[in-house]
Amino acid sequence: MAEISALVKGLRLVILHNLTPLEVSIDCEEIIKYLKDDHPPYSNILFDCRDIIK
C-alpha cells in the first residue's frame, strides 16, 4: 500500500533531520487500523512505523 510506504519514508525523514516533536495526521482509515492491530502482508513496514513513532 503506497500510503504506508509514504508514512514510513516521512517518518524516516523526520528522524534523519531531527524534526521532533511531531504530530502525524493520517486520513487513511486502513493505516490507522493496521497500526493499532497487525495486518500480515504489511507486518514489517508496520513494525518500522511503530518503532519510529515510539
N, C-alpha and C. Protein backbone atom coordinates (compact mmCIF):
# COMPACT_ATOMS: atom_id res chain seq x y z
N MET A 1 0.85 -1.17 0.00
CA MET A 1 0.00 0.00 0.00
C MET A 1 0.90 1.24 0.00
N ALA A 2 0.67 2.11 -0.94
CA ALA A 2 1.50 3.30 -1.12
C ALA A 2 1.45 4.24 0.09
N GLU A 3 0.31 4.31 0.75
CA GLU A 3 0.17 5.21 1.90
C GLU A 3 1.08 4.80 3.04
N ILE A 4 1.22 3.51 3.27
CA ILE A 4 2.10 3.03 4.34
C ILE A 4 3.55 3.34 4.00
N SER A 5 3.94 3.12 2.76
CA SER A 5 5.30 3.43 2.33
C SER A 5 5.60 4.91 2.48
N ALA A 6 4.65 5.75 2.12
CA ALA A 6 4.84 7.19 2.26
C ALA A 6 4.98 7.59 3.73
N LEU A 7 4.20 6.96 4.59
CA LEU A 7 4.30 7.24 6.03
C LEU A 7 5.68 6.89 6.55
N VAL A 8 6.18 5.72 6.21
CA VAL A 8 7.50 5.29 6.67
C VAL A 8 8.58 6.23 6.14
N LYS A 9 8.52 6.58 4.87
CA LYS A 9 9.52 7.49 4.30
C LYS A 9 9.49 8.83 5.02
N GLY A 10 8.29 9.34 5.29
CA GLY A 10 8.17 10.61 6.00
C GLY A 10 8.72 10.52 7.41
N LEU A 11 8.42 9.43 8.11
CA LEU A 11 8.92 9.26 9.47
C LEU A 11 10.44 9.14 9.48
N ARG A 12 10.99 8.47 8.50
CA ARG A 12 12.46 8.36 8.43
C ARG A 12 13.11 9.71 8.18
N LEU A 13 12.48 10.55 7.36
CA LEU A 13 12.99 11.90 7.14
C LEU A 13 12.95 12.73 8.42
N VAL A 14 11.89 12.55 9.18
CA VAL A 14 11.77 13.25 10.47
C VAL A 14 12.93 12.88 11.38
N ILE A 15 13.22 11.60 11.47
CA ILE A 15 14.32 11.13 12.31
C ILE A 15 15.65 11.64 11.77
N LEU A 16 15.85 11.53 10.47
CA LEU A 16 17.10 11.95 9.85
C LEU A 16 17.40 13.42 10.12
N HIS A 17 16.38 14.25 10.06
CA HIS A 17 16.56 15.70 10.22
C HIS A 17 16.20 16.19 11.62
N ASN A 18 15.96 15.23 12.53
CA ASN A 18 15.67 15.55 13.94
C ASN A 18 14.54 16.57 14.08
N LEU A 19 13.45 16.31 13.40
CA LEU A 19 12.30 17.21 13.40
C LEU A 19 11.27 16.76 14.43
N THR A 20 11.65 16.85 15.69
CA THR A 20 10.74 16.44 16.75
C THR A 20 10.52 17.60 17.69
N PRO A 21 9.43 17.68 18.39
CA PRO A 21 8.30 16.75 18.41
C PRO A 21 7.52 16.80 17.11
N LEU A 22 6.71 15.80 16.90
CA LEU A 22 6.00 15.65 15.64
C LEU A 22 4.57 15.20 15.90
N GLU A 23 3.66 15.72 15.12
CA GLU A 23 2.28 15.25 15.14
C GLU A 23 1.96 14.77 13.73
N VAL A 24 1.46 13.56 13.63
CA VAL A 24 1.14 12.97 12.34
C VAL A 24 -0.37 12.88 12.19
N SER A 25 -0.86 13.36 11.07
CA SER A 25 -2.29 13.23 10.75
C SER A 25 -2.42 12.32 9.54
N ILE A 26 -3.27 11.32 9.66
CA ILE A 26 -3.47 10.36 8.58
C ILE A 26 -4.96 10.26 8.31
N ASP A 27 -5.33 10.37 7.04
CA ASP A 27 -6.75 10.25 6.71
C ASP A 27 -7.11 8.89 6.12
N CYS A 28 -6.15 8.00 6.08
CA CYS A 28 -6.40 6.65 5.57
C CYS A 28 -6.77 5.75 6.75
N GLU A 29 -8.04 5.43 6.86
CA GLU A 29 -8.52 4.63 7.98
C GLU A 29 -7.85 3.26 8.06
N GLU A 30 -7.50 2.71 6.90
CA GLU A 30 -6.86 1.40 6.90
C GLU A 30 -5.53 1.44 7.64
N ILE A 31 -4.73 2.46 7.40
CA ILE A 31 -3.44 2.56 8.07
C ILE A 31 -3.63 2.69 9.57
N ILE A 32 -4.59 3.48 9.98
CA ILE A 32 -4.86 3.65 11.41
C ILE A 32 -5.22 2.30 12.03
N LYS A 33 -6.08 1.55 11.37
CA LYS A 33 -6.45 0.22 11.86
C LYS A 33 -5.24 -0.70 11.90
N TYR A 34 -4.43 -0.66 10.84
CA TYR A 34 -3.26 -1.53 10.76
C TYR A 34 -2.24 -1.19 11.84
N LEU A 35 -2.10 0.09 12.18
CA LEU A 35 -1.15 0.48 13.22
C LEU A 35 -1.62 0.03 14.60
N LYS A 36 -2.93 -0.03 14.79
CA LYS A 36 -3.47 -0.47 16.07
C LYS A 36 -3.35 -1.99 16.22
N ASP A 37 -3.65 -2.70 15.16
CA ASP A 37 -3.57 -4.16 15.13
C ASP A 37 -2.65 -4.52 13.97
N ASP A 38 -2.19 -5.74 13.96
CA ASP A 38 -1.29 -6.14 12.89
C ASP A 38 -2.08 -6.60 11.66
N HIS A 39 -1.45 -6.47 10.51
CA HIS A 39 -2.03 -6.93 9.26
C HIS A 39 -0.89 -7.62 8.50
N PRO A 40 -0.90 -8.96 8.46
CA PRO A 40 0.24 -9.74 7.96
C PRO A 40 0.93 -9.27 6.68
N PRO A 41 0.24 -8.90 5.63
CA PRO A 41 1.00 -8.50 4.44
C PRO A 41 1.89 -7.28 4.67
N TYR A 42 1.57 -6.49 5.67
CA TYR A 42 2.32 -5.26 5.93
C TYR A 42 3.03 -5.28 7.28
N SER A 43 3.19 -6.44 7.87
CA SER A 43 3.75 -6.55 9.22
C SER A 43 5.09 -5.85 9.37
N ASN A 44 6.01 -6.08 8.44
CA ASN A 44 7.35 -5.49 8.57
C ASN A 44 7.32 -3.98 8.51
N ILE A 45 6.61 -3.43 7.56
CA ILE A 45 6.58 -1.98 7.41
C ILE A 45 5.80 -1.33 8.56
N LEU A 46 4.77 -2.01 9.06
CA LEU A 46 4.04 -1.50 10.22
C LEU A 46 4.92 -1.53 11.46
N PHE A 47 5.74 -2.56 11.59
CA PHE A 47 6.69 -2.62 12.70
C PHE A 47 7.63 -1.43 12.63
N ASP A 48 8.13 -1.11 11.44
CA ASP A 48 9.02 0.05 11.27
C ASP A 48 8.32 1.34 11.70
N CYS A 49 7.07 1.51 11.29
CA CYS A 49 6.30 2.70 11.67
C CYS A 49 6.18 2.80 13.18
N ARG A 50 5.77 1.71 13.80
CA ARG A 50 5.58 1.72 15.26
C ARG A 50 6.89 2.00 15.97
N ASP A 51 7.98 1.43 15.47
CA ASP A 51 9.29 1.61 16.08
C ASP A 51 9.73 3.07 16.00
N ILE A 52 9.50 3.70 14.88
CA ILE A 52 9.89 5.11 14.70
C ILE A 52 9.01 6.01 15.56
N ILE A 53 7.73 5.70 15.65
CA ILE A 53 6.80 6.55 16.39
C ILE A 53 7.09 6.54 17.89
N LYS A 54 7.62 5.45 18.41
CA LYS A 54 7.87 5.34 19.87
C LYS A 54 8.75 6.45 20.37
